[in-house]
Amino acid sequence: MKNNKGFIVAEGLVSLSAILLIATSLFPLMFLIIQKQEEGKRDLIAARLMYERTEANLMTGQSQDQLYIVDGRQYTITFQQGNEFEWKVCVNYDKKQQCIVEEYERERVLTD
């Protein structure tokens, strides 16, 4: 029978350092994933608000700038019309901007 006194502490320290090494490499990655998920959620909220307001304004014929606060964040929707066949809708939030530009062609009447 061999004397194995003291190896339990050494093995414990090696396994603890391995666990800490893995944890220190995975936690920043996990926090980055959570941060990207939150950014995606804000982008989705902005796109949804822009879509809903554009749809409502097309039905009513009004194009007023609007301010919304969702989850403590401020979203500003602006409508701009270039000419009668072009319009632009933008949503501003967190120093970001998303825009939709739509341009319609005039119907051409062909004469023979």
C-alpha atoms as a PDB file:
ATOM      1  CA  MET A   1       0.000   0.000   0.000  1.00  0.00           C
ATOM      2  CA  LYS A   2       1.340   3.401  -1.036  1.00  0.00           C
ATOM      3  CA  ASN A   3       1.205   6.568   0.953  1.00  0.00           C
ATOM      4  CA  ASN A   4      -1.019   9.059  -0.975  1.00  0.00           C
ATOM      5  CA  LYS A   5      -1.287  11.759   1.653  1.00  0.00           C
ATOM      6  CA  GLY A   6      -1.436  15.300   0.257  1.00  0.00           C
ATOM      7  CA  PHE A   7      -2.579  14.398  -3.248  1.00  0.00           C
ATOM      8  CA  ILE A   8      -6.217  15.215  -2.495  1.00  0.00           C
ATOM      9  CA  VAL A   9      -5.364  18.885  -1.893  1.00  0.00           C
ATOM     10  CA  ALA A  10      -3.225  19.106  -5.052  1.00  0.00           C
ATOM     11  CA  GLU A  11      -5.895  17.443  -7.185  1.00  0.00           C
ATOM     12  CA  GLY A  12      -8.526  19.738  -5.702  1.00  0.00           C
ATOM     13  CA  LEU A  13      -6.479  22.824  -6.534  1.00  0.00           C
ATOM     14  CA  VAL A  14      -5.890  21.636 -10.112  1.00  0.00           C
ATOM     15  CA  SER A  15      -9.589  20.932 -10.660  1.00  0.00           C
ATOM     16  CA  LEU A  16     -10.580  24.256  -9.065  1.00  0.00           C
ATOM     17  CA  SER A  17      -8.164  26.161 -11.298  1.00  0.00           C
ATOM     18  CA  ALA A  18      -9.506  24.296 -14.351  1.00  0.00           C
ATOM     19  CA  ILE A  19     -13.085  25.232 -13.405  1.00  0.00           C
ATOM     20  CA  LEU A  20     -12.085  28.872 -12.874  1.00  0.00           C
ATOM     21  CA  LEU A  21     -10.259  28.944 -16.211  1.00  0.00           C
ATOM     22  CA  ILE A  22     -13.311  27.604 -18.027  1.00  0.00           C
ATOM     23  CA  ALA A  23     -15.624  29.998 -16.178  1.00  0.00           C
ATOM     24  CA  THR A  24     -13.479  33.049 -16.959  1.00  0.00           C
ATOM     25  CA  SER A  25     -13.497  32.161 -20.640  1.00  0.00           C
ATOM     26  CA  LEU A  26     -17.239  31.389 -20.850  1.00  0.00           C
ATOM     27  CA  PHE A  27     -18.734  34.222 -18.763  1.00  0.00           C
ATOM     28  CA  PRO A  28     -17.648  37.057 -21.093  1.00  0.00           C
ATOM     29  CA  LEU A  29     -19.025  35.100 -24.035  1.00  0.00           C
ATOM     30  CA  MET A  30     -22.305  34.572 -22.201  1.00  0.00           C
ATOM     31  CA  PHE A  31     -22.588  38.286 -21.373  1.00  0.00           C
ATOM     32  CA  LEU A  32     -21.838  39.193 -25.002  1.00  0.00           C
ATOM     33  CA  ILE A  33     -24.616  36.875 -26.184  1.00  0.00           C
ATOM     34  CA  ILE A  34     -27.053  38.441 -23.708  1.00  0.00           C
ATOM     35  CA  GLN A  35     -26.050  41.940 -24.863  1.00  0.00           C
ATOM     36  CA  LYS A  36     -26.554  41.023 -28.543  1.00  0.00           C
ATOM     37  CA  GLN A  37     -29.932  39.522 -27.690  1.00  0.00           C
ATOM     38  CA  GLU A  38     -31.005  42.782 -26.000  1.00  0.00           C
ATOM     39  CA  GLU A  39     -29.851  44.787 -29.040  1.00  0.00           C
ATOM     40  CA  GLY A  40     -31.853  42.497 -31.296  1.00  0.00           C
ATOM     41  CA  LYS A  41     -34.910  42.974 -29.104  1.00  0.00           C
ATOM     42  CA  ARG A  42     -34.599  46.778 -29.355  1.00  0.00           C
ATOM     43  CA  ASP A  43     -34.181  46.556 -33.135  1.00  0.00           C
ATOM     44  CA  LEU A  44     -37.271  44.361 -33.365  1.00  0.00           C
ATOM     45  CA  ILE A  45     -39.333  46.780 -31.245  1.00  0.00           C
ATOM     46  CA  ALA A  46     -38.203  49.685 -33.461  1.00  0.00           C
ATOM     47  CA  ALA A  47     -39.088  47.840 -36.660  1.00  0.00           C
ATOM     48  CA  ARG A  48     -42.471  46.793 -35.256  1.00  0.00           C
ATOM     49  CA  LEU A  49     -43.328  50.351 -34.179  1.00  0.00           C
ATOM     50  CA  MET A  50     -42.257  51.717 -37.550  1.00  0.00           C
ATOM     51  CA  TYR A  51     -44.354  49.123 -39.394  1.00  0.00           C
ATOM     52  CA  GLU A  52     -47.452  49.647 -37.244  1.00  0.00           C
ATOM     53  CA  ARG A  53     -47.303  53.454 -37.455  1.00  0.00           C
ATOM     54  CA  THR A  54     -46.699  53.373 -41.208  1.00  0.00           C
ATOM     55  CA  GLU A  55     -49.667  51.073 -41.691  1.00  0.00           C
ATOM     56  CA  ALA A  56     -51.904  53.261 -39.500  1.00  0.00           C
ATOM     57  CA  ASN A  57     -50.785  56.451 -41.235  1.00  0.00           C
ATOM     58  CA  LEU A  58     -51.436  54.983 -44.671  1.00  0.00           C
ATOM     59  CA  MET A  59     -54.983  54.141 -43.609  1.00  0.00           C
ATOM     60  CA  THR A  60     -55.695  57.567 -42.095  1.00  0.00           C
ATOM     61  CA  GLY A  61     -53.675  59.622 -44.564  1.00  0.00           C
ATOM     62  CA  GLN A  62     -51.848  61.460 -41.773  1.00  0.00           C
ATOM     63  CA  SER A  63     -48.105  61.527 -41.369  1.00  0.00           C
ATOM     64  CA  GLN A  64     -47.244  63.075 -38.033  1.00  0.00           C
ATOM     65  CA  ASP A  65     -43.994  62.478 -36.193  1.00  0.00           C
ATOM     66  CA  GLN A  66     -44.569  60.410 -33.067  1.00  0.00           C
ATOM     67  CA  LEU A  67     -42.718  59.600 -29.863  1.00  0.00           C
ATOM     68  CA  TYR A  68     -43.045  56.280 -28.032  1.00  0.00           C
ATOM     69  CA  ILE A  69     -41.484  55.014 -24.831  1.00  0.00           C
ATOM     70  CA  VAL A  70     -41.184  51.229 -24.581  1.00  0.00           C
ATOM     71  CA  ASP A  71     -39.318  49.528 -21.726  1.00  0.00           C
ATOM     72  CA  GLY A  72     -37.889  52.899 -20.687  1.00  0.00           C
ATOM     73  CA  ARG A  73     -36.402  53.594 -24.131  1.00  0.00           C
ATOM     74  CA  GLN A  74     -37.465  56.432 -26.376  1.00  0.00           C
ATOM     75  CA  TYR A  75     -38.398  55.697 -30.012  1.00  0.00           C
ATOM     76  CA  THR A  76     -39.100  58.629 -32.359  1.00  0.00           C
ATOM     77  CA  ILE A  77     -40.844  57.913 -35.658  1.00  0.00           C
ATOM     78  CA  THR A  78     -40.543  60.549 -38.386  1.00  0.00           C
ATOM     79  CA  PHE A  79     -42.315  60.732 -41.729  1.00  0.00           C
ATOM     80  CA  GLN A  80     -40.909  62.628 -44.704  1.00  0.00           C
ATOM     81  CA  GLN A  81     -42.424  62.945 -48.137  1.00  0.00           C
ATOM     82  CA  GLY A  82     -40.243  63.963 -51.055  1.00  0.00           C
ATOM     83  CA  ASN A  83     -42.784  64.274 -53.826  1.00  0.00           C
ATOM     84  CA  GLU A  84     -46.154  62.639 -54.321  1.00  0.00           C
ATOM     85  CA  PHE A  85     -44.521  59.343 -55.303  1.00  0.00           C
ATOM     86  CA  GLU A  86     -41.804  59.091 -52.649  1.00  0.00           C
ATOM     87  CA  TRP A  87     -41.869  58.873 -48.858  1.00  0.00           C
ATOM     88  CA  LYS A  88     -39.457  57.979 -46.090  1.00  0.00           C
ATOM     89  CA  VAL A  89     -40.188  56.663 -42.593  1.00  0.00           C
ATOM     90  CA  CYS A  90     -37.447  56.602 -39.945  1.00  0.00           C
ATOM     91  CA  VAL A  91     -37.283  55.457 -36.344  1.00  0.00           C
ATOM     92  CA  ASN A  92     -34.576  56.877 -34.063  1.00  0.00           C
ATOM     93  CA  TYR A  93     -33.536  55.180 -30.818  1.00  0.00           C
ATOM     94  CA  ASP A  94     -30.355  54.698 -28.783  1.00  0.00           C
ATOM     95  CA  LYS A  95     -28.358  56.849 -31.252  1.00  0.00           C
ATOM     96  CA  LYS A  96     -29.435  54.499 -34.068  1.00  0.00           C
ATOM     97  CA  GLN A  97     -31.682  55.073 -37.046  1.00  0.00           C
ATOM     98  CA  GLN A  98     -33.650  52.664 -39.223  1.00  0.00           C
ATOM     99  CA  CYS A  99     -35.401  53.962 -42.335  1.00  0.00           C
ATOM    100  CA  ILE A 100     -37.715  52.731 -45.048  1.00  0.00           C
ATOM    101  CA  VAL A 101     -37.776  54.569 -48.370  1.00  0.00           C
ATOM    102  CA  GLU A 102     -40.578  53.785 -50.787  1.00  0.00           C
ATOM    103  CA  GLU A 103     -40.843  55.121 -54.289  1.00  0.00           C
ATOM    104  CA  TYR A 104     -43.829  54.557 -56.531  1.00  0.00           C
ATOM    105  CA  GLU A 105     -43.725  54.809 -60.280  1.00  0.00           C
ATOM    106  CA  ARG A 106     -46.305  56.881 -62.042  1.00  0.00           C
ATOM    107  CA  GLU A 107     -48.668  54.910 -64.177  1.00  0.00           C
ATOM    108  CA  ARG A 108     -47.846  55.594 -67.765  1.00  0.00           C
ATOM    109  CA  VAL A 109     -50.595  55.907 -70.290  1.00  0.00           C
ATOM    110  CA  LEU A 110     -49.554  54.556 -73.625  1.00  0.00           C
ATOM    111  CA  THR A 111     -51.043  56.134 -76.691  1.00  0.00           C
ATOM    112  CA  ASP A 112     -50.972  54.582 -80.112  1.00  0.00           C
END
